[in-house]
Structure formats: structure tokens, C-alpha cells
C-alpha atoms as a PDB file:
ATOM      1  CA  MET A   1     105.260  91.187  82.707  1.00  0.00           C
ATOM      2  CA  LYS A   2     106.176  91.317  86.827  1.00  0.00           C
ATOM      3  CA  ILE A   3     102.705  91.231  87.274  1.00  0.00           C
ATOM      4  CA  ILE A   4     102.270  88.582  85.253  1.00  0.00           C
ATOM      5  CA  SER A   5     105.492  86.445  86.555  1.00  0.00           C
ATOM      6  CA  LEU A   6     103.832  87.110  89.981  1.00  0.00           C
ATOM      7  CA  THR A   7     100.064  85.757  88.925  1.00  0.00           C
ATOM      8  CA  LEU A   8     101.606  82.775  87.985  1.00  0.00           C
ATOM      9  CA  ILE A   9     103.564  81.463  90.870  1.00  0.00           C
ATOM     10  CA  VAL A  10     100.683  82.264  92.924  1.00  0.00           C
ATOM     11  CA  PHE A  11      99.081  80.738  91.396  1.00  0.00           C
ATOM     12  CA  PHE A  12     100.914  76.799  90.910  1.00  0.00           C
ATOM     13  CA  SER A  13     101.963  77.604  94.572  1.00  0.00           C
ATOM     14  CA  PHE A  14      99.055  77.484  96.281  1.00  0.00           C
ATOM     15  CA  PHE A  15      97.476  74.536  94.602  1.00  0.00           C
ATOM     16  CA  SER A  16     100.548  72.478  94.936  1.00  0.00           C
ATOM     17  CA  LYS A  17     101.700  69.867  97.795  1.00  0.00           C
ATOM     18  CA  SER A  18     102.747  72.092 100.216  1.00  0.00           C
ATOM     19  CA  SER A  19     102.429  72.149 103.906  1.00  0.00           C
ATOM     20  CA  LEU A  20     100.555  74.982 105.050  1.00  0.00           C
ATOM     21  CA  ILE A  21     102.397  77.555 104.145  1.00  0.00           C
ATOM     22  CA  SER A  22     104.450  76.385 100.867  1.00  0.00           C
ATOM     23  CA  GLN A  23     107.717  76.964 100.798  1.00  0.00           C
ATOM     24  CA  ASP A  24     107.852  77.780  97.153  1.00  0.00           C
ATOM     25  CA  ILE A  25     106.261  81.668  98.680  1.00  0.00           C
ATOM     26  CA  ILE A  26     107.537  84.627  97.853  1.00  0.00           C
ATOM     27  CA  GLN A  27     106.672  86.341 100.455  1.00  0.00           C
ATOM     28  CA  THR A  28     108.211  89.753  99.754  1.00  0.00           C
ATOM     29  CA  LYS A  29     108.947  92.327 102.630  1.00  0.00           C
ATOM     30  CA  LYS A  30     107.558  96.389 101.112  1.00  0.00           C
ATOM     31  CA  ILE A  31     105.517  96.230  97.907  1.00  0.00           C
ATOM     32  CA  ASP A  32     106.558  99.423  95.769  1.00  0.00           C
ATOM     33  CA  SER A  33     103.942 101.854  95.588  1.00  0.00           C
ATOM     34  CA  LEU A  34     105.260 103.686  92.656  1.00  0.00           C
ATOM     35  CA  TYR A  35     106.271 100.354  90.312  1.00  0.00           C
ATOM     36  CA  TYR A  36     102.777  99.962  91.258  1.00  0.00           C
ATOM     37  CA  SER A  37     101.376 102.983  90.164  1.00  0.00           C
ATOM     38  CA  SER A  38     102.736 103.398  86.365  1.00  0.00           C
ATOM     39  CA  HIS A  39     100.728  99.596  85.630  1.00  0.00           C
ATOM     40  CA  LEU A  40      98.071 100.833  87.167  1.00  0.00           C
ATOM     41  CA  ASP A  41      96.234 100.808  83.763  1.00  0.00           C
ATOM     42  CA  SER A  42      97.876  97.282  83.038  1.00  0.00           C
ATOM     43  CA  LEU A  43      95.574  95.814  86.527  1.00  0.00           C
ATOM     44  CA  LYS A  44      92.828  97.457  85.592  1.00  0.00           C
ATOM     45  CA  PHE A  45      92.745  95.091  82.962  1.00  0.00           C
ATOM     46  CA  ASN A  46      94.015  92.167  84.509  1.00  0.00           C
ATOM     47  CA  TYR A  47      91.901  92.478  87.608  1.00  0.00           C
ATOM     48  CA  ALA A  48      89.422  94.954  87.449  1.00  0.00           C
ATOM     49  CA  ILE A  49      86.788  92.823  85.888  1.00  0.00           C
ATOM     50  CA  ASN A  50      82.782  92.313  86.977  1.00  0.00           C
ATOM     51  CA  LYS A  51      85.000  95.050  89.971  1.00  0.00           C
ATOM     52  CA  LYS A  52      83.051  98.572  91.559  1.00  0.00           C
ATOM     53  CA  ILE A  53      86.629  99.677  92.964  1.00  0.00           C
ATOM     54  CA  PRO A  54      86.875 103.044  95.152  1.00  0.00           C
ATOM     55  CA  LYS A  55      88.743 105.308  93.145  1.00  0.00           C
ATOM     56  CA  ALA A  56      90.916 106.607  96.580  1.00  0.00           C
ATOM     57  CA  TYR A  57      92.159 102.273  97.461  1.00  0.00           C
ATOM     58  CA  SER A  58      92.419 101.059  93.861  1.00  0.00           C
ATOM     59  CA  LEU A  59      95.715 100.357  93.704  1.00  0.00           C
ATOM     60  CA  PRO A  60      95.777  98.433  96.950  1.00  0.00           C
ATOM     61  CA  VAL A  61      92.868  96.084  96.000  1.00  0.00           C
ATOM     62  CA  LEU A  62      94.215  94.884  92.856  1.00  0.00           C
ATOM     63  CA  ILE A  63      97.938  94.181  93.719  1.00  0.00           C
ATOM     64  CA  ALA A  64      95.638  93.031  96.341  1.00  0.00           C
ATOM     65  CA  LEU A  65      94.175  90.542  93.466  1.00  0.00           C
ATOM     66  CA  SER A  66      97.326  90.006  92.368  1.00  0.00           C
ATOM     67  CA  TYR A  67      97.999  87.312  94.672  1.00  0.00           C
ATOM     68  CA  TYR A  68      94.304  85.433  93.556  1.00  0.00           C
ATOM     69  CA  PRO A  69      94.110  85.009  89.184  1.00  0.00           C
ATOM     70  CA  GLU A  70      90.750  82.879  90.741  1.00  0.00           C
ATOM     71  CA  LEU A  71      88.910  86.398  91.754  1.00  0.00           C
ATOM     72  CA  ILE A  72      89.581  86.949  87.895  1.00  0.00           C
ATOM     73  CA  LYS A  73      85.770  87.304  87.053  1.00  0.00           C
ATOM     74  CA  ALA A  74      84.458  87.381  90.175  1.00  0.00           C
ATOM     75  CA  LYS A  75      82.015  90.465  90.954  1.00  0.00           C
ATOM     76  CA  ILE A  76      83.145  92.090  94.249  1.00  0.00           C
ATOM     77  CA  ILE A  77      81.599  95.991  95.027  1.00  0.00           C
ATOM     78  CA  PHE A  78      82.840  98.073  97.702  1.00  0.00           C
ATOM     79  CA  LYS A  79      80.603 100.171  99.218  1.00  0.00           C
ATOM     80  CA  ASN A  80      80.492 102.512 102.280  1.00  0.00           C
ATOM     81  CA  SER A  81      78.278 101.578 105.729  1.00  0.00           C
ATOM     82  CA  ASN A  82      78.430 101.416 109.272  1.00  0.00           C
ATOM     83  CA  ILE A  83      80.225  98.856 110.339  1.00  0.00           C
ATOM     84  CA  LYS A  84      81.954  98.234 113.790  1.00  0.00           C
ATOM     85  CA  THR A  85      85.618  97.161 112.017  1.00  0.00           C
ATOM     86  CA  THR A  86      87.429  98.760 109.246  1.00  0.00           C
ATOM     87  CA  LEU A  87      86.317  96.522 106.519  1.00  0.00           C
ATOM     88  CA  ASN A  88      84.231  93.016 106.335  1.00  0.00           C
ATOM     89  CA  VAL A  89      82.895  90.752 103.276  1.00  0.00           C
ATOM     90  CA  ARG A  90      79.702  88.726 102.167  1.00  0.00           C
ATOM     91  CA  PRO A  91      77.922  87.468 100.046  1.00  0.00           C
ATOM     92  CA  SER A  92      74.820  88.556  98.085  1.00  0.00           C
ATOM     93  CA  GLY A  93      72.370  86.866 100.127  1.00  0.00           C
ATOM     94  CA  PHE A  94      70.216  86.706  95.851  1.00  0.00           C
ATOM     95  CA  SER A  95      73.122  85.838  94.711  1.00  0.00           C
ATOM     96  CA  VAL A  96      74.517  81.959  96.927  1.00  0.00           C
ATOM     97  CA  LEU A  97      70.672  81.410  96.809  1.00  0.00           C
ATOM     98  CA  PHE A  98      69.705  81.713  92.779  1.00  0.00           C
ATOM     99  CA  ASN A  99      73.713  81.827  91.561  1.00  0.00           C
ATOM    100  CA  ASN A 100      75.888  78.657  91.411  1.00  0.00           C
ATOM    101  CA  ARG A 101      79.073  79.723  92.564  1.00  0.00           C
ATOM    102  CA  ASN A 102      81.105  81.095  90.164  1.00  0.00           C
ATOM    103  CA  ASN A 103      77.838  83.833  89.289  1.00  0.00           C
ATOM    104  CA  ARG A 104      78.005  85.290  92.792  1.00  0.00           C
ATOM    105  CA  LYS A 105      78.450  88.561  93.666  1.00  0.00           C
ATOM    106  CA  TYR A 106      80.276  90.377  97.151  1.00  0.00           C
ATOM    107  CA  ILE A 107      79.997  93.585  99.105  1.00  0.00           C
ATOM    108  CA  ILE A 108      82.855  94.383 101.035  1.00  0.00           C
ATOM    109  CA  ARG A 109      81.486  97.342 103.170  1.00  0.00           C
ATOM    110  CA  ILE A 110      83.971  99.979 104.041  1.00  0.00           C
ATOM    111  CA  ASN A 111      83.535 101.624 107.787  1.00  0.00           C
ATOM    112  CA  SER A 112      82.935 104.968 107.061  1.00  0.00           C
ATOM    113  CA  MET A 113      81.813 106.380 110.824  1.00  0.00           C
ATOM    114  CA  ASP A 114      85.318 108.537 112.673  1.00  0.00           C
ATOM    115  CA  LYS A 115      84.981 107.217 115.964  1.00  0.00           C
ATOM    116  CA  ASP A 116      88.151 106.261 117.721  1.00  0.00           C
ATOM    117  CA  SER A 117      86.880 103.052 118.501  1.00  0.00           C
ATOM    118  CA  LEU A 118      87.638 103.067 115.395  1.00  0.00           C
ATOM    119  CA  ILE A 119      90.591 102.470 112.149  1.00  0.00           C
ATOM    120  CA  ASN A 120      89.806 104.291 109.326  1.00  0.00           C
ATOM    121  CA  LEU A 121      90.705 102.750 105.791  1.00  0.00           C
ATOM    122  CA  LYS A 122      92.287 105.902 105.126  1.00  0.00           C
ATOM    123  CA  ASP A 123      93.945 105.747 108.279  1.00  0.00           C
ATOM    124  CA  VAL A 124      95.656 102.440 106.758  1.00  0.00           C
ATOM    125  CA  PRO A 125      99.640 102.263 105.135  1.00  0.00           C
ATOM    126  CA  PHE A 126      99.588 101.286 101.923  1.00  0.00           C
ATOM    127  CA  ASN A 127     101.432  98.329 102.733  1.00  0.00           C
ATOM    128  CA  ALA A 128      98.857  97.016 105.879  1.00  0.00           C
ATOM    129  CA  SER A 129      96.448  97.935 102.696  1.00  0.00           C
ATOM    130  CA  ILE A 130      97.213  95.357 100.932  1.00  0.00           C
ATOM    131  CA  GLY A 131      97.441  92.194 103.179  1.00  0.00           C
ATOM    132  CA  LEU A 132      94.154  94.004 105.086  1.00  0.00           C
ATOM    133  CA  PHE A 133      92.228  93.765 101.708  1.00  0.00           C
ATOM    134  CA  GLY A 134      94.373  90.566 100.642  1.00  0.00           C
ATOM    135  CA  HIS A 135      92.407  88.628 104.015  1.00  0.00           C
ATOM    136  CA  GLU A 136      89.384  90.024 102.696  1.00  0.00           C
ATOM    137  CA  PHE A 137      90.042  88.223  99.439  1.00  0.00           C
ATOM    138  CA  ASN A 138      90.700  85.090 101.163  1.00  0.00           C
ATOM    139  CA  HIS A 139      87.046  85.066 103.307  1.00  0.00           C
ATOM    140  CA  ILE A 140      85.656  85.130  99.373  1.00  0.00           C
ATOM    141  CA  ILE A 141      87.757  81.832  98.695  1.00  0.00           C
ATOM    142  CA  ASP A 142      86.189  80.113 100.859  1.00  0.00           C
ATOM    143  CA  TYR A 143      82.345  81.418 100.877  1.00  0.00           C
ATOM    144  CA  ARG A 144      83.435  80.505  96.901  1.00  0.00           C
ATOM    145  CA  ASN A 145      84.756  76.512  97.726  1.00  0.00           C
ATOM    146  CA  SER A 146      81.258  76.367 100.437  1.00  0.00           C
ATOM    147  CA  ASN A 147      77.692  75.748  99.567  1.00  0.00           C
ATOM    148  CA  VAL A 148      74.743  77.423 100.483  1.00  0.00           C
ATOM    149  CA  PHE A 149      74.325  75.221 103.549  1.00  0.00           C
ATOM    150  CA  GLN A 150      78.029  74.820 103.924  1.00  0.00           C
ATOM    151  CA  ILE A 151      77.572  79.716 104.171  1.00  0.00           C
ATOM    152  CA  ILE A 152      74.436  79.774 106.810  1.00  0.00           C
ATOM    153  CA  LYS A 153      76.868  77.073 109.235  1.00  0.00           C
ATOM    154  CA  LYS A 154      79.860  79.683 108.815  1.00  0.00           C
ATOM    155  CA  LEU A 155      77.843  82.731 109.867  1.00  0.00           C
ATOM    156  CA  LEU A 156      75.905  81.251 112.684  1.00  0.00           C
ATOM    157  CA  GLU A 157      79.115  79.876 114.089  1.00  0.00           C
ATOM    158  CA  TYR A 158      80.485  82.896 113.128  1.00  0.00           C
ATOM    159  CA  SER A 159      78.090  83.585 116.889  1.00  0.00           C
ATOM    160  CA  ASN A 160      80.463  81.587 118.285  1.00  0.00           C
ATOM    161  CA  ASN A 161      83.991  83.596 120.254  1.00  0.00           C
ATOM    162  CA  LYS A 162      85.890  80.186 119.985  1.00  0.00           C
ATOM    163  CA  LYS A 163      84.823  79.498 115.951  1.00  0.00           C
ATOM    164  CA  LYS A 164      85.631  82.653 115.365  1.00  0.00           C
ATOM    165  CA  ALA A 165      89.352  83.560 116.649  1.00  0.00           C
ATOM    166  CA  GLU A 166      90.218  79.323 114.998  1.00  0.00           C
ATOM    167  CA  TYR A 167      88.285  80.525 111.299  1.00  0.00           C
ATOM    168  CA  GLU A 168      88.977  84.426 111.137  1.00  0.00           C
ATOM    169  CA  LYS A 169      93.053  82.855 112.204  1.00  0.00           C
ATOM    170  CA  GLN A 170      92.254  80.358 108.978  1.00  0.00           C
ATOM    171  CA  ILE A 171      91.727  82.841 107.329  1.00  0.00           C
ATOM    172  CA  ASP A 172      94.931  84.563 108.117  1.00  0.00           C
ATOM    173  CA  TYR A 173      97.441  81.438 107.369  1.00  0.00           C
ATOM    174  CA  MET A 174      95.170  81.194 103.573  1.00  0.00           C
ATOM    175  CA  THR A 175      96.671  85.054 104.330  1.00  0.00           C
ATOM    176  CA  ILE A 176     100.280  84.278 104.738  1.00  0.00           C
ATOM    177  CA  ASN A 177      99.761  80.820 101.926  1.00  0.00           C
ATOM    178  CA  ARG A 178      99.503  83.725  99.451  1.00  0.00           C
ATOM    179  CA  GLY A 179     102.956  85.793  99.697  1.00  0.00           C
ATOM    180  CA  LEU A 180     101.254  88.672 100.865  1.00  0.00           C
ATOM    181  CA  GLY A 181     102.299  88.207 105.601  1.00  0.00           C
ATOM    182  CA  TRP A 182     104.611  91.066 104.789  1.00  0.00           C
ATOM    183  CA  GLN A 183     101.001  92.221 103.902  1.00  0.00           C
ATOM    184  CA  LEU A 184      99.604  90.576 107.417  1.00  0.00           C
ATOM    185  CA  TYR A 185     101.522  91.711 109.657  1.00  0.00           C
ATOM    186  CA  ASP A 186     102.365  95.467 108.430  1.00  0.00           C
ATOM    187  CA  TRP A 187      98.308  95.699 109.533  1.00  0.00           C
ATOM    188  CA  SER A 188      98.456  93.449 112.921  1.00  0.00           C
ATOM    189  CA  TYR A 189     101.380  95.870 114.320  1.00  0.00           C
ATOM    190  CA  PHE A 190     100.082  99.285 112.444  1.00  0.00           C
ATOM    191  CA  VAL A 191      96.561  97.447 114.385  1.00  0.00           C
ATOM    192  CA  LEU A 192      98.369  96.894 118.362  1.00  0.00           C
ATOM    193  CA  ASN A 193     100.649  99.073 118.582  1.00  0.00           C
ATOM    194  CA  ILE A 194     100.119 102.495 115.797  1.00  0.00           C
ATOM    195  CA  SER A 195      96.904 102.809 115.852  1.00  0.00           C
ATOM    196  CA  MET A 196      94.272 105.740 118.018  1.00  0.00           C
ATOM    197  CA  ALA A 197      92.059 101.964 118.189  1.00  0.00           C
ATOM    198  CA  ASN A 198      90.579 101.691 121.894  1.00  0.00           C
ATOM    199  CA  GLN A 199      92.233  99.130 123.749  1.00  0.00           C
ATOM    200  CA  LYS A 200      88.440  97.358 123.791  1.00  0.00           C
ATOM    201  CA  TYR A 201      89.269  97.483 119.927  1.00  0.00           C
ATOM    202  CA  LYS A 202      92.369  96.011 119.931  1.00  0.00           C
ATOM    203  CA  LYS A 203      92.024  93.528 122.541  1.00  0.00           C
ATOM    204  CA  TYR A 204      89.268  92.395 120.095  1.00  0.00           C
ATOM    205  CA  LYS A 205      91.893  92.131 117.911  1.00  0.00           C
ATOM    206  CA  ARG A 206      94.407  89.983 119.874  1.00  0.00           C
ATOM    207  CA  THR A 207      91.614  87.490 120.394  1.00  0.00           C
ATOM    208  CA  TYR A 208      90.193  86.595 117.384  1.00  0.00           C
ATOM    209  CA  TYR A 209      93.308  87.188 114.412  1.00  0.00           C
ATOM    210  CA  LEU A 210      97.166  86.450 114.076  1.00  0.00           C
ATOM    211  CA  SER A 211      99.330  88.388 116.544  1.00  0.00           C
ATOM    212  CA  PRO A 212     102.244  89.947 114.734  1.00  0.00           C
ATOM    213  CA  ASN A 213     104.523  87.510 116.214  1.00  0.00           C
ATOM    214  CA  GLU A 214     103.071  84.356 115.807  1.00  0.00           C
ATOM    215  CA  ILE A 215     102.350  85.744 111.683  1.00  0.00           C
ATOM    216  CA  ILE A 216     106.059  86.274 111.516  1.00  0.00           C
ATOM    217  CA  ASP A 217     106.396  83.425 112.960  1.00  0.00           C
ATOM    218  CA  ILE A 218     104.832  81.089 109.960  1.00  0.00           C
ATOM    219  CA  ILE A 219     106.816  83.568 107.410  1.00  0.00           C
ATOM    220  CA  GLN A 220     110.107  82.459 109.396  1.00  0.00           C
ATOM    221  CA  ARG A 221     108.855  78.383 109.668  1.00  0.00           C
END
């Protein structure tokens, strides 16, 4: 019941007329892993449709998905890959060209390299991982709201530093607006203040994403 109620709150708050950050969104500081682990079967039943989720991350992924009711039937596949960040997401090129928006397939790649410069997903705290997954799901929402030409434009603009920063910070705003502000804060704080990532990687994160202080300021406003 708690999961269903939370989903409805998030759904109607997101589509109501509001400021950039809705005043009606519930921002939970710490998500109770013990509570949700006891409801894992229910989460799988409601949110694992058309999803290929690594067992090790199924709980935070499904909790994050519960904030995105539009993605209940979306085709999302997680796979390990040698990438230069912890996670990233892209639509399948074939599905963008030949499927309608609701039938596209999305690939979320998980970094599988163990390098000092990178943050491995297995080292990310539970609450922070939900914020990270939420950020990636907002990318999917954005892709679903874009046609093929808009998607190509976004991908081309991603090579421009200013456009990239604007885009990623917009996705962070969307994540906060879904009710995952404190989870995003925990992710950002972990990256910059706790993780063993090198200073070059931390500078990259400061440049392109909202800082912990900016996230708190937005939540409090």
C-alpha cells in the first residue's frame, strides 16, 4: 500500500501545474532499505516488466523506478560495460529509428572497470544509488519525450561543454522534482567528499552536475 500511495503522489505531483520544483513533492531523506526489501516481490511485480536488472542492484533500481510510473512498461536493459563514468543510458539506435516512442529500448550501461579515476557502482551507498538510478531514468523520460531528430540533436550537443552542463543539470532538477532530491544529494556528496575518485573526475562532476549545496538549496526552496 505504501508503495502504491508513493507512486500516485509522485505521478500526480509531476503533472500538476507547479513551479520548477513542485511544492507538493515529498522529499524523503533516507529510504528504508529494510522496509522495501520485505516488499521486493511487490516491487518486481509492479516495476520489473520489460526490464533486465542485475540481481545485485534490483532493490535500489526498483525503488527508483517506483517514482516513474510512465516507465512501468518501458524496455530497459542493464549491462556491464567499460565506460568512463559509473552509469550512462542511451536509447537503442534501431528502436529509435523503427519503433514509436513508447516501444523504444533503452540500455543502461554499468561501469565494469576497476580504476582509481572511476566510481564503481558496488561501492555506492544504498540511498545514493537510488538518486543515481533516478537521474538515469530521467534521461529516459527525456528521450521518450523527444522525436528522432531531437534525440540526434541532443547527442550532438553533448560534445559542447556548455550545452552538456545545461542538460545534465536539467536532468538533476527533474530528479529532485520526482522526490529523489536527498538521494541525489547523497550521490553528489559521496562522489565529491567520500569516494576515492581522483580530482580530475571530481572536477568533471562539479562542472557538469548540480553540487550538494545547490541540491539542498533547491530542495529547501
